[in-house]
């Protein structure tokens, strides 16, 4: 989104978010988890 910092940028690059991409997260226990892609990303964004 156009956050306060993005609004001040010379170049803004729109990226995918949590449910549109796959990757691992390590939770507060030190347990490595798999966050899976579950919906398609909007046209025009990249990871």
ModelCIF file with pLDDT and N, C-alpha, C, O atoms, coordinates in Angstrom:
data_MODEL
#
_entry.id   MODEL 
#
_entity.id                         1 
_entity.type                       polymer 
_entity.pdbx_number_of_molecules   1 
#
_entity_poly.entity_id                      1 
_entity_poly.type                           'polypeptide(L)' 
_entity_poly.nstd_linkage                   no 
_entity_poly.nstd_monomer                   no 
_entity_poly.pdbx_seq_one_letter_code       
;(UNK)(UNK)(UNK)(UNK)(UNK)(UNK)(UNK)(UNK)(UNK)(UNK)(UNK)(UNK)(UNK)(UNK)(UNK)(UNK)
(UNK)(UNK)(UNK)(UNK)(UNK)(UNK)(UNK)(UNK)(UNK)(UNK)(UNK)(UNK)(UNK)(UNK)(UNK)(UNK)
(UNK)(UNK)(UNK)(UNK)(UNK)(UNK)(UNK)(UNK)(UNK)(UNK)(UNK)(UNK)(UNK)(UNK)(UNK)
;
_entity_poly.pdbx_seq_one_letter_code_can   XXXXXXXXXXXXXXXXXXXXXXXXXXXXXXXXXXXXXXXXXXXXXXX 
_entity_poly.pdbx_strand_id                 A 
#
loop_
_entity_poly_seq.entity_id 
_entity_poly_seq.num 
_entity_poly_seq.mon_id 
_entity_poly_seq.hetero 
1 1  UNK n 
1 2  UNK n 
1 3  UNK n 
1 4  UNK n 
1 5  UNK n 
1 6  UNK n 
1 7  UNK n 
1 8  UNK n 
1 9  UNK n 
1 10 UNK n 
1 11 UNK n 
1 12 UNK n 
1 13 UNK n 
1 14 UNK n 
1 15 UNK n 
1 16 UNK n 
1 17 UNK n 
1 18 UNK n 
1 19 UNK n 
1 20 UNK n 
1 21 UNK n 
1 22 UNK n 
1 23 UNK n 
1 24 UNK n 
1 25 UNK n 
1 26 UNK n 
1 27 UNK n 
1 28 UNK n 
1 29 UNK n 
1 30 UNK n 
1 31 UNK n 
1 32 UNK n 
1 33 UNK n 
1 34 UNK n 
1 35 UNK n 
1 36 UNK n 
1 37 UNK n 
1 38 UNK n 
1 39 UNK n 
1 40 UNK n 
1 41 UNK n 
1 42 UNK n 
1 43 UNK n 
1 44 UNK n 
1 45 UNK n 
1 46 UNK n 
1 47 UNK n 
#
_struct_asym.id          A 
_struct_asym.entity_id   1 
#
loop_
_ma_qa_metric.id 
_ma_qa_metric.mode 
_ma_qa_metric.name 
_ma_qa_metric.software_group_id 
_ma_qa_metric.type 
1 global pLDDT . pLDDT 
2 local  pLDDT . pLDDT 
#
_ma_qa_metric_global.metric_id      1 
_ma_qa_metric_global.metric_value   96.62 
_ma_qa_metric_global.model_id       1 
_ma_qa_metric_global.ordinal_id     1 
#
loop_
_ma_qa_metric_local.label_asym_id 
_ma_qa_metric_local.label_comp_id 
_ma_qa_metric_local.label_seq_id 
_ma_qa_metric_local.metric_id 
_ma_qa_metric_local.metric_value 
_ma_qa_metric_local.model_id 
_ma_qa_metric_local.ordinal_id 
A UNK 1  2 96.00 1 1  
A UNK 2  2 97.00 1 2  
A UNK 3  2 96.00 1 3  
A UNK 4  2 97.00 1 4  
A UNK 5  2 97.00 1 5  
A UNK 6  2 97.00 1 6  
A UNK 7  2 97.00 1 7  
A UNK 8  2 97.00 1 8  
A UNK 9  2 98.00 1 9  
A UNK 10 2 98.00 1 10 
A UNK 11 2 98.00 1 11 
A UNK 12 2 98.00 1 12 
A UNK 13 2 98.00 1 13 
A UNK 14 2 98.00 1 14 
A UNK 15 2 98.00 1 15 
A UNK 16 2 97.00 1 16 
A UNK 17 2 96.00 1 17 
A UNK 18 2 95.00 1 18 
A UNK 19 2 96.00 1 19 
A UNK 20 2 96.00 1 20 
A UNK 21 2 97.00 1 21 
A UNK 22 2 98.00 1 22 
A UNK 23 2 98.00 1 23 
A UNK 24 2 98.00 1 24 
A UNK 25 2 98.00 1 25 
A UNK 26 2 97.00 1 26 
A UNK 27 2 97.00 1 27 
A UNK 28 2 97.00 1 28 
A UNK 29 2 96.00 1 29 
A UNK 30 2 97.00 1 30 
A UNK 31 2 97.00 1 31 
A UNK 32 2 98.00 1 32 
A UNK 33 2 98.00 1 33 
A UNK 34 2 98.00 1 34 
A UNK 35 2 97.00 1 35 
A UNK 36 2 96.00 1 36 
A UNK 37 2 96.00 1 37 
A UNK 38 2 95.00 1 38 
A UNK 39 2 94.00 1 39 
A UNK 40 2 92.00 1 40 
A UNK 41 2 94.00 1 41 
A UNK 42 2 93.00 1 42 
A UNK 43 2 93.00 1 43 
A UNK 44 2 94.00 1 44 
A UNK 45 2 97.00 1 45 
A UNK 46 2 98.00 1 46 
A UNK 47 2 98.00 1 47 
#
loop_
_atom_site.group_PDB 
_atom_site.id 
_atom_site.type_symbol 
_atom_site.label_atom_id 
_atom_site.label_alt_id 
_atom_site.label_comp_id 
_atom_site.label_asym_id 
_atom_site.label_entity_id 
_atom_site.label_seq_id 
_atom_site.pdbx_PDB_ins_code 
_atom_site.Cartn_x 
_atom_site.Cartn_y 
_atom_site.Cartn_z 
_atom_site.occupancy 
_atom_site.B_iso_or_equiv 
_atom_site.pdbx_formal_charge 
_atom_site.auth_seq_id 
_atom_site.auth_comp_id 
_atom_site.auth_asym_id 
_atom_site.auth_atom_id 
_atom_site.pdbx_PDB_model_num 
ATOM 1   N N  . UNK A 1 1  ? 0.856  -1.181  0.000   1.00 96.00 ? 1  UNK A N  1 
ATOM 2   C CA . UNK A 1 1  ? 0.000  0.000   0.000   1.00 96.00 ? 1  UNK A CA 1 
ATOM 3   C C  . UNK A 1 1  ? 0.895  1.234   0.000   1.00 96.00 ? 1  UNK A C  1 
ATOM 4   O O  . UNK A 1 1  ? 2.104  1.142   0.211   1.00 96.00 ? 1  UNK A O  1 
ATOM 5   N N  . UNK A 1 2  ? 0.285  2.376   -0.238  1.00 97.00 ? 2  UNK A N  1 
ATOM 6   C CA . UNK A 1 2  ? 1.048  3.615   -0.222  1.00 97.00 ? 2  UNK A CA 1 
ATOM 7   C C  . UNK A 1 2  ? 1.158  4.087   1.231   1.00 97.00 ? 2  UNK A C  1 
ATOM 8   O O  . UNK A 1 2  ? 0.439  4.985   1.669   1.00 97.00 ? 2  UNK A O  1 
ATOM 9   N N  . UNK A 1 3  ? 2.069  3.461   1.956   1.00 96.00 ? 3  UNK A N  1 
ATOM 10  C CA . UNK A 1 3  ? 2.304  3.832   3.349   1.00 96.00 ? 3  UNK A CA 1 
ATOM 11  C C  . UNK A 1 3  ? 2.860  5.248   3.404   1.00 96.00 ? 3  UNK A C  1 
ATOM 12  O O  . UNK A 1 3  ? 3.170  5.845   2.373   1.00 96.00 ? 3  UNK A O  1 
ATOM 13  N N  . UNK A 1 4  ? 2.981  5.777   4.616   1.00 97.00 ? 4  UNK A N  1 
ATOM 14  C CA . UNK A 1 4  ? 3.525  7.125   4.774   1.00 97.00 ? 4  UNK A CA 1 
ATOM 15  C C  . UNK A 1 4  ? 4.928  7.221   4.186   1.00 97.00 ? 4  UNK A C  1 
ATOM 16  O O  . UNK A 1 4  ? 5.277  8.239   3.588   1.00 97.00 ? 4  UNK A O  1 
ATOM 17  N N  . UNK A 1 5  ? 5.739  6.172   4.347   1.00 97.00 ? 5  UNK A N  1 
ATOM 18  C CA . UNK A 1 5  ? 7.090  6.194   3.792   1.00 97.00 ? 5  UNK A CA 1 
ATOM 19  C C  . UNK A 1 5  ? 7.060  6.009   2.284   1.00 97.00 ? 5  UNK A C  1 
ATOM 20  O O  . UNK A 1 5  ? 7.815  6.667   1.569   1.00 97.00 ? 5  UNK A O  1 
ATOM 21  N N  . UNK A 1 6  ? 6.202  5.126   1.787   1.00 97.00 ? 6  UNK A N  1 
ATOM 22  C CA . UNK A 1 6  ? 6.097  4.944   0.334   1.00 97.00 ? 6  UNK A CA 1 
ATOM 23  C C  . UNK A 1 6  ? 5.658  6.231   -0.349  1.00 97.00 ? 6  UNK A C  1 
ATOM 24  O O  . UNK A 1 6  ? 6.104  6.525   -1.458  1.00 97.00 ? 6  UNK A O  1 
ATOM 25  N N  . UNK A 1 7  ? 4.791  7.001   0.298   1.00 97.00 ? 7  UNK A N  1 
ATOM 26  C CA . UNK A 1 7  ? 4.324  8.256   -0.292  1.00 97.00 ? 7  UNK A CA 1 
ATOM 27  C C  . UNK A 1 7  ? 5.451  9.259   -0.463  1.00 97.00 ? 7  UNK A C  1 
ATOM 28  O O  . UNK A 1 7  ? 5.336  10.187  -1.264  1.00 97.00 ? 7  UNK A O  1 
ATOM 29  N N  . UNK A 1 8  ? 6.550  9.086   0.284   1.00 97.00 ? 8  UNK A N  1 
ATOM 30  C CA . UNK A 1 8  ? 7.694  9.995   0.177   1.00 97.00 ? 8  UNK A CA 1 
ATOM 31  C C  . UNK A 1 8  ? 8.761  9.489   -0.780  1.00 97.00 ? 8  UNK A C  1 
ATOM 32  O O  . UNK A 1 8  ? 9.790  10.145  -0.949  1.00 97.00 ? 8  UNK A O  1 
ATOM 33  N N  . UNK A 1 9  ? 8.542  8.328   -1.417  1.00 98.00 ? 9  UNK A N  1 
ATOM 34  C CA . UNK A 1 9  ? 9.590  7.674   -2.203  1.00 98.00 ? 9  UNK A CA 1 
ATOM 35  C C  . UNK A 1 9  ? 9.686  8.207   -3.624  1.00 98.00 ? 9  UNK A C  1 
ATOM 36  O O  . UNK A 1 9  ? 8.718  8.728   -4.178  1.00 98.00 ? 9  UNK A O  1 
ATOM 37  N N  . UNK A 1 10 ? 10.883 8.063   -4.206  1.00 98.00 ? 10 UNK A N  1 
ATOM 38  C CA . UNK A 1 10 ? 11.089 8.358   -5.626  1.00 98.00 ? 10 UNK A CA 1 
ATOM 39  C C  . UNK A 1 10 ? 10.593 7.209   -6.488  1.00 98.00 ? 10 UNK A C  1 
ATOM 40  O O  . UNK A 1 10 ? 10.050 7.422   -7.572  1.00 98.00 ? 10 UNK A O  1 
ATOM 41  N N  . UNK A 1 11 ? 10.785 5.986   -5.999  1.00 98.00 ? 11 UNK A N  1 
ATOM 42  C CA . UNK A 1 11 ? 10.339 4.794   -6.713  1.00 98.00 ? 11 UNK A CA 1 
ATOM 43  C C  . UNK A 1 11 ? 9.550  3.928   -5.740  1.00 98.00 ? 11 UNK A C  1 
ATOM 44  O O  . UNK A 1 11 ? 10.027 3.611   -4.651  1.00 98.00 ? 11 UNK A O  1 
ATOM 45  N N  . UNK A 1 12 ? 8.340  3.549   -6.142  1.00 98.00 ? 12 UNK A N  1 
ATOM 46  C CA . UNK A 1 12 ? 7.506  2.667   -5.329  1.00 98.00 ? 12 UNK A CA 1 
ATOM 47  C C  . UNK A 1 12 ? 7.240  1.406   -6.144  1.00 98.00 ? 12 UNK A C  1 
ATOM 48  O O  . UNK A 1 12 ? 6.787  1.475   -7.287  1.00 98.00 ? 12 UNK A O  1 
ATOM 49  N N  . UNK A 1 13 ? 7.527  0.255   -5.542  1.00 98.00 ? 13 UNK A N  1 
ATOM 50  C CA . UNK A 1 13 ? 7.370  -1.024  -6.231  1.00 98.00 ? 13 UNK A CA 1 
ATOM 51  C C  . UNK A 1 13 ? 6.308  -1.846  -5.517  1.00 98.00 ? 13 UNK A C  1 
ATOM 52  O O  . UNK A 1 13 ? 6.507  -2.223  -4.363  1.00 98.00 ? 13 UNK A O  1 
ATOM 53  N N  . UNK A 1 14 ? 5.173  -2.137  -6.177  1.00 98.00 ? 14 UNK A N  1 
ATOM 54  C CA . UNK A 1 14 ? 4.074  -2.862  -5.531  1.00 98.00 ? 14 UNK A CA 1 
ATOM 55  C C  . UNK A 1 14 ? 4.369  -4.355  -5.447  1.00 98.00 ? 14 UNK A C  1 
ATOM 56  O O  . UNK A 1 14 ? 4.673  -4.993  -6.455  1.00 98.00 ? 14 UNK A O  1 
ATOM 57  N N  . UNK A 1 15 ? 4.280  -4.908  -4.241  1.00 98.00 ? 15 UNK A N  1 
ATOM 58  C CA . UNK A 1 15 ? 4.705  -6.285  -4.032  1.00 98.00 ? 15 UNK A CA 1 
ATOM 59  C C  . UNK A 1 15 ? 3.574  -7.158  -3.504  1.00 98.00 ? 15 UNK A C  1 
ATOM 60  O O  . UNK A 1 15 ? 2.543  -6.674  -3.037  1.00 98.00 ? 15 UNK A O  1 
ATOM 61  N N  . UNK A 1 16 ? 3.808  -8.461  -3.597  1.00 97.00 ? 16 UNK A N  1 
ATOM 62  C CA . UNK A 1 16 ? 2.851  -9.431  -3.082  1.00 97.00 ? 16 UNK A CA 1 
ATOM 63  C C  . UNK A 1 16 ? 2.861  -9.422  -1.557  1.00 97.00 ? 16 UNK A C  1 
ATOM 64  O O  . UNK A 1 16 ? 3.804  -8.937  -0.932  1.00 97.00 ? 16 UNK A O  1 
ATOM 65  N N  . UNK A 1 17 ? 1.804  -9.964  -0.974  1.00 96.00 ? 17 UNK A N  1 
ATOM 66  C CA . UNK A 1 17 ? 1.707  -10.038 0.473   1.00 96.00 ? 17 UNK A CA 1 
ATOM 67  C C  . UNK A 1 17 ? 1.417  -11.466 0.911   1.00 96.00 ? 17 UNK A C  1 
ATOM 68  O O  . UNK A 1 17 ? 1.313  -12.375 0.087   1.00 96.00 ? 17 UNK A O  1 
ATOM 69  N N  . UNK A 1 18 ? 1.288  -11.647 2.207   1.00 95.00 ? 18 UNK A N  1 
ATOM 70  C CA . UNK A 1 18 ? 1.275  -12.932 2.901   1.00 95.00 ? 18 UNK A CA 1 
ATOM 71  C C  . UNK A 1 18 ? 0.578  -14.065 2.167   1.00 95.00 ? 18 UNK A C  1 
ATOM 72  O O  . UNK A 1 18 ? 1.207  -15.096 1.926   1.00 95.00 ? 18 UNK A O  1 
ATOM 73  N N  . UNK A 1 19 ? -0.691 -13.923 1.801   1.00 96.00 ? 19 UNK A N  1 
ATOM 74  C CA . UNK A 1 19 ? -1.447 -15.048 1.237   1.00 96.00 ? 19 UNK A CA 1 
ATOM 75  C C  . UNK A 1 19 ? -1.225 -15.210 -0.258  1.00 96.00 ? 19 UNK A C  1 
ATOM 76  O O  . UNK A 1 19 ? -1.763 -16.132 -0.872  1.00 96.00 ? 19 UNK A O  1 
ATOM 77  N N  . UNK A 1 20 ? -0.431 -14.313 -0.850  1.00 96.00 ? 20 UNK A N  1 
ATOM 78  C CA . UNK A 1 20 ? -0.176 -14.365 -2.294  1.00 96.00 ? 20 UNK A CA 1 
ATOM 79  C C  . UNK A 1 20 ? 1.200  -14.949 -2.612  1.00 96.00 ? 20 UNK A C  1 
ATOM 80  O O  . UNK A 1 20 ? 1.622  -14.946 -3.768  1.00 96.00 ? 20 UNK A O  1 
ATOM 81  N N  . UNK A 1 21 ? 1.891  -15.442 -1.607  1.00 97.00 ? 21 UNK A N  1 
ATOM 82  C CA . UNK A 1 21 ? 3.247  -15.936 -1.802  1.00 97.00 ? 21 UNK A CA 1 
ATOM 83  C C  . UNK A 1 21 ? 3.544  -17.020 -0.773  1.00 97.00 ? 21 UNK A C  1 
ATOM 84  O O  . UNK A 1 21 ? 2.892  -17.107 0.267   1.00 97.00 ? 21 UNK A O  1 
ATOM 85  N N  . UNK A 1 22 ? 4.524  -17.831 -1.079  1.00 98.00 ? 22 UNK A N  1 
ATOM 86  C CA . UNK A 1 22 ? 4.944  -18.888 -0.165  1.00 98.00 ? 22 UNK A CA 1 
ATOM 87  C C  . UNK A 1 22 ? 6.279  -18.509 0.467   1.00 98.00 ? 22 UNK A C  1 
ATOM 88  O O  . UNK A 1 22 ? 7.122  -17.875 -0.169  1.00 98.00 ? 22 UNK A O  1 
ATOM 89  N N  . UNK A 1 23 ? 6.459  -18.900 1.711   1.00 98.00 ? 23 UNK A N  1 
ATOM 90  C CA . UNK A 1 23 ? 7.721  -18.650 2.393   1.00 98.00 ? 23 UNK A CA 1 
ATOM 91  C C  . UNK A 1 23 ? 7.644  -19.153 3.813   1.00 98.00 ? 23 UNK A C  1 
ATOM 92  O O  . UNK A 1 23 ? 6.569  -19.504 4.300   1.00 98.00 ? 23 UNK A O  1 
ATOM 93  N N  . UNK A 1 24 ? 8.784  -19.188 4.480   1.00 98.00 ? 24 UNK A N  1 
ATOM 94  C CA . UNK A 1 24 ? 8.821  -19.667 5.859   1.00 98.00 ? 24 UNK A CA 1 
ATOM 95  C C  . UNK A 1 24 ? 8.873  -18.502 6.835   1.00 98.00 ? 24 UNK A C  1 
ATOM 96  O O  . UNK A 1 24 ? 9.424  -17.441 6.540   1.00 98.00 ? 24 UNK A O  1 
ATOM 97  N N  . UNK A 1 25 ? 8.288  -18.725 8.001   1.00 98.00 ? 25 UNK A N  1 
ATOM 98  C CA . UNK A 1 25 ? 8.310  -17.780 9.112   1.00 98.00 ? 25 UNK A CA 1 
ATOM 99  C C  . UNK A 1 25 ? 8.751  -18.557 10.348  1.00 98.00 ? 25 UNK A C  1 
ATOM 100 O O  . UNK A 1 25 ? 8.447  -19.743 10.479  1.00 98.00 ? 25 UNK A O  1 
ATOM 101 N N  . UNK A 1 26 ? 9.451  -17.906 11.234  1.00 97.00 ? 26 UNK A N  1 
ATOM 102 C CA . UNK A 1 26 ? 9.870  -18.539 12.483  1.00 97.00 ? 26 UNK A CA 1 
ATOM 103 C C  . UNK A 1 26 ? 9.148  -17.843 13.630  1.00 97.00 ? 26 UNK A C  1 
ATOM 104 O O  . UNK A 1 26 ? 9.386  -16.666 13.899  1.00 97.00 ? 26 UNK A O  1 
ATOM 105 N N  . UNK A 1 27 ? 8.269  -18.572 14.300  1.00 97.00 ? 27 UNK A N  1 
ATOM 106 C CA . UNK A 1 27 ? 7.425  -17.908 15.288  1.00 97.00 ? 27 UNK A CA 1 
ATOM 107 C C  . UNK A 1 27 ? 8.156  -17.690 16.605  1.00 97.00 ? 27 UNK A C  1 
ATOM 108 O O  . UNK A 1 27 ? 9.345  -17.989 16.718  1.00 97.00 ? 27 UNK A O  1 
ATOM 109 N N  . UNK A 1 28 ? 7.451  -17.173 17.590  1.00 97.00 ? 28 UNK A N  1 
ATOM 110 C CA . UNK A 1 28 ? 8.093  -16.781 18.842  1.00 97.00 ? 28 UNK A CA 1 
ATOM 111 C C  . UNK A 1 28 ? 8.724  -17.950 19.594  1.00 97.00 ? 28 UNK A C  1 
ATOM 112 O O  . UNK A 1 28 ? 9.569  -17.731 20.461  1.00 97.00 ? 28 UNK A O  1 
ATOM 113 N N  . UNK A 1 29 ? 8.336  -19.183 19.283  1.00 96.00 ? 29 UNK A N  1 
ATOM 114 C CA . UNK A 1 29 ? 8.923  -20.359 19.923  1.00 96.00 ? 29 UNK A CA 1 
ATOM 115 C C  . UNK A 1 29 ? 10.211 -20.829 19.254  1.00 96.00 ? 29 UNK A C  1 
ATOM 116 O O  . UNK A 1 29 ? 10.890 -21.710 19.781  1.00 96.00 ? 29 UNK A O  1 
ATOM 117 N N  . UNK A 1 30 ? 10.562 -20.250 18.093  1.00 97.00 ? 30 UNK A N  1 
ATOM 118 C CA . UNK A 1 30 ? 11.658 -20.802 17.301  1.00 97.00 ? 30 UNK A CA 1 
ATOM 119 C C  . UNK A 1 30 ? 11.209 -21.949 16.426  1.00 97.00 ? 30 UNK A C  1 
ATOM 120 O O  . UNK A 1 30 ? 12.027 -22.755 15.982  1.00 97.00 ? 30 UNK A O  1 
ATOM 121 N N  . UNK A 1 31 ? 9.902  -22.028 16.171  1.00 97.00 ? 31 UNK A N  1 
ATOM 122 C CA . UNK A 1 31 ? 9.330  -23.074 15.325  1.00 97.00 ? 31 UNK A CA 1 
ATOM 123 C C  . UNK A 1 31 ? 9.219  -22.523 13.893  1.00 97.00 ? 31 UNK A C  1 
ATOM 124 O O  . UNK A 1 31 ? 8.521  -21.537 13.660  1.00 97.00 ? 31 UNK A O  1 
ATOM 125 N N  . UNK A 1 32 ? 9.903  -23.158 12.948  1.00 98.00 ? 32 UNK A N  1 
ATOM 126 C CA . UNK A 1 32 ? 9.880  -22.707 11.555  1.00 98.00 ? 32 UNK A CA 1 
ATOM 127 C C  . UNK A 1 32 ? 8.610  -23.239 10.899  1.00 98.00 ? 32 UNK A C  1 
ATOM 128 O O  . UNK A 1 32 ? 8.363  -24.445 10.883  1.00 98.00 ? 32 UNK A O  1 
ATOM 129 N N  . UNK A 1 33 ? 7.812  -22.323 10.362  1.00 98.00 ? 33 UNK A N  1 
ATOM 130 C CA . UNK A 1 33 ? 6.496  -22.633 9.797   1.00 98.00 ? 33 UNK A CA 1 
ATOM 131 C C  . UNK A 1 33 ? 6.466  -22.314 8.313   1.00 98.00 ? 33 UNK A C  1 
ATOM 132 O O  . UNK A 1 33 ? 7.302  -21.560 7.814   1.00 98.00 ? 33 UNK A O  1 
ATOM 133 N N  . UNK A 1 34 ? 5.505  -22.886 7.616   1.00 98.00 ? 34 UNK A N  1 
ATOM 134 C CA . UNK A 1 34 ? 5.366  -22.646 6.178   1.00 98.00 ? 34 UNK A CA 1 
ATOM 135 C C  . UNK A 1 34 ? 4.102  -21.838 5.920   1.00 98.00 ? 34 UNK A C  1 
ATOM 136 O O  . UNK A 1 34 ? 2.986  -22.313 6.129   1.00 98.00 ? 34 UNK A O  1 
ATOM 137 N N  . UNK A 1 35 ? 4.303  -20.608 5.464   1.00 97.00 ? 35 UNK A N  1 
ATOM 138 C CA . UNK A 1 35 ? 3.181  -19.768 5.052   1.00 97.00 ? 35 UNK A CA 1 
ATOM 139 C C  . UNK A 1 35 ? 2.964  -20.003 3.553   1.00 97.00 ? 35 UNK A C  1 
ATOM 140 O O  . UNK A 1 35 ? 3.797  -19.621 2.731   1.00 97.00 ? 35 UNK A O  1 
ATOM 141 N N  . UNK A 1 36 ? 1.860  -20.622 3.214   1.00 96.00 ? 36 UNK A N  1 
ATOM 142 C CA . UNK A 1 36 ? 1.621  -21.028 1.828   1.00 96.00 ? 36 UNK A CA 1 
ATOM 143 C C  . UNK A 1 36 ? 0.843  -19.979 1.041   1.00 96.00 ? 36 UNK A C  1 
ATOM 144 O O  . UNK A 1 36 ? 0.017  -19.245 1.584   1.00 96.00 ? 36 UNK A O  1 
ATOM 145 N N  . UNK A 1 37 ? 1.134  -19.937 -0.242  1.00 96.00 ? 37 UNK A N  1 
ATOM 146 C CA . UNK A 1 37 ? 0.328  -19.115 -1.137  1.00 96.00 ? 37 UNK A CA 1 
ATOM 147 C C  . UNK A 1 37 ? -1.067 -19.717 -1.217  1.00 96.00 ? 37 UNK A C  1 
ATOM 148 O O  . UNK A 1 37 ? -1.221 -20.913 -1.461  1.00 96.00 ? 37 UNK A O  1 
ATOM 149 N N  . UNK A 1 38 ? -2.084 -18.880 -1.011  1.00 95.00 ? 38 UNK A N  1 
ATOM 150 C CA . UNK A 1 38 ? -3.450 -19.376 -0.987  1.00 95.00 ? 38 UNK A CA 1 
ATOM 151 C C  . UNK A 1 38 ? -4.395 -18.642 -1.921  1.00 95.00 ? 38 UNK A C  1 
ATOM 152 O O  . UNK A 1 38 ? -5.497 -19.125 -2.180  1.00 95.00 ? 38 UNK A O  1 
ATOM 153 N N  . UNK A 1 39 ? -3.988 -17.480 -2.435  1.00 94.00 ? 39 UNK A N  1 
ATOM 154 C CA . UNK A 1 39 ? -4.776 -16.771 -3.447  1.00 94.00 ? 39 UNK A CA 1 
ATOM 155 C C  . UNK A 1 39 ? -3.818 -16.213 -4.491  1.00 94.00 ? 39 UNK A C  1 
ATOM 156 O O  . UNK A 1 39 ? -2.621 -16.064 -4.243  1.00 94.00 ? 39 UNK A O  1 
ATOM 157 N N  . UNK A 1 40 ? -4.360 -15.912 -5.644  1.00 92.00 ? 40 UNK A N  1 
ATOM 158 C CA . UNK A 1 40 ? -3.545 -15.309 -6.705  1.00 92.00 ? 40 UNK A CA 1 
ATOM 159 C C  . UNK A 1 40 ? -3.293 -13.841 -6.391  1.00 92.00 ? 40 UNK A C  1 
ATOM 160 O O  . UNK A 1 40 ? -4.151 -13.155 -5.836  1.00 92.00 ? 40 UNK A O  1 
ATOM 161 N N  . UNK A 1 41 ? -2.119 -13.377 -6.749  1.00 94.00 ? 41 UNK A N  1 
ATOM 162 C CA . UNK A 1 41 ? -1.787 -11.966 -6.552  1.00 94.00 ? 41 UNK A CA 1 
ATOM 163 C C  . UNK A 1 41 ? -2.470 -11.114 -7.622  1.00 94.00 ? 41 UNK A C  1 
ATOM 164 O O  . UNK A 1 41 ? -2.729 -11.605 -8.721  1.00 94.00 ? 41 UNK A O  1 
ATOM 165 N N  . UNK A 1 42 ? -2.762 -9.863  -7.324  1.00 93.00 ? 42 UNK A N  1 
ATOM 166 C CA . UNK A 1 42 ? -3.337 -8.979  -8.344  1.00 93.00 ? 42 UNK A CA 1 
ATOM 167 C C  . UNK A 1 42 ? -2.385 -8.809  -9.524  1.00 93.00 ? 42 UNK A C  1 
ATOM 168 O O  . UNK A 1 42 ? -1.166 -8.892  -9.371  1.00 93.00 ? 42 UNK A O  1 
ATOM 169 N N  . UNK A 1 43 ? -2.939 -8.579  -10.662 1.00 93.00 ? 43 UNK A N  1 
ATOM 170 C CA . UNK A 1 43 ? -2.115 -8.291  -11.835 1.00 93.00 ? 43 UNK A CA 1 
ATOM 171 C C  . UNK A 1 43 ? -1.297 -7.029  -11.587 1.00 93.00 ? 43 UNK A C  1 
ATOM 172 O O  . UNK A 1 43 ? -1.823 -6.021  -11.114 1.00 93.00 ? 43 UNK A O  1 
ATOM 173 N N  . UNK A 1 44 ? -0.011 -7.090  -11.909 1.00 94.00 ? 44 UNK A N  1 
ATOM 174 C CA . UNK A 1 44 ? 0.826  -5.898  -11.791 1.00 94.00 ? 44 UNK A CA 1 
ATOM 175 C C  . UNK A 1 44 ? 1.755  -5.883  -10.602 1.00 94.00 ? 44 UNK A C  1 
ATOM 176 O O  . UNK A 1 44 ? 2.599  -4.992  -10.499 1.00 94.00 ? 44 UNK A O  1 
ATOM 177 N N  . UNK A 1 45 ? 1.628  -6.852  -9.686  1.00 97.00 ? 45 UNK A N  1 
ATOM 178 C CA . UNK A 1 45 ? 2.529  -6.868  -8.539  1.00 97.00 ? 45 UNK A CA 1 
ATOM 179 C C  . UNK A 1 45 ? 3.547  -7.987  -8.699  1.00 97.00 ? 45 UNK A C  1 
ATOM 180 O O  . UNK A 1 45 ? 3.308  -8.964  -9.409  1.00 97.00 ? 45 UNK A O  1 
ATOM 181 N N  . UNK A 1 46 ? 4.677  -7.833  -8.036  1.00 98.00 ? 46 UNK A N  1 
ATOM 182 C CA . UNK A 1 46 ? 5.723  -8.846  -8.030  1.00 98.00 ? 46 UNK A CA 1 
ATOM 183 C C  . UNK A 1 46 ? 6.170  -9.105  -6.599  1.00 98.00 ? 46 UNK A C  1 
ATOM 184 O O  . UNK A 1 46 ? 5.949  -8.279  -5.714  1.00 98.00 ? 46 UNK A O  1 
ATOM 185 N N  . UNK A 1 47 ? 6.792  -10.241 -6.376  1.00 98.00 ? 47 UNK A N  1 
ATOM 186 C CA . UNK A 1 47 ? 7.275  -10.556 -5.033  1.00 98.00 ? 47 UNK A CA 1 
ATOM 187 C C  . UNK A 1 47 ? 8.538  -9.757  -4.731  1.00 98.00 ? 47 UNK A C  1 
ATOM 188 O O  . UNK A 1 47 ? 9.103  -9.881  -3.644  1.00 98.00 ? 47 UNK A O  1 
#
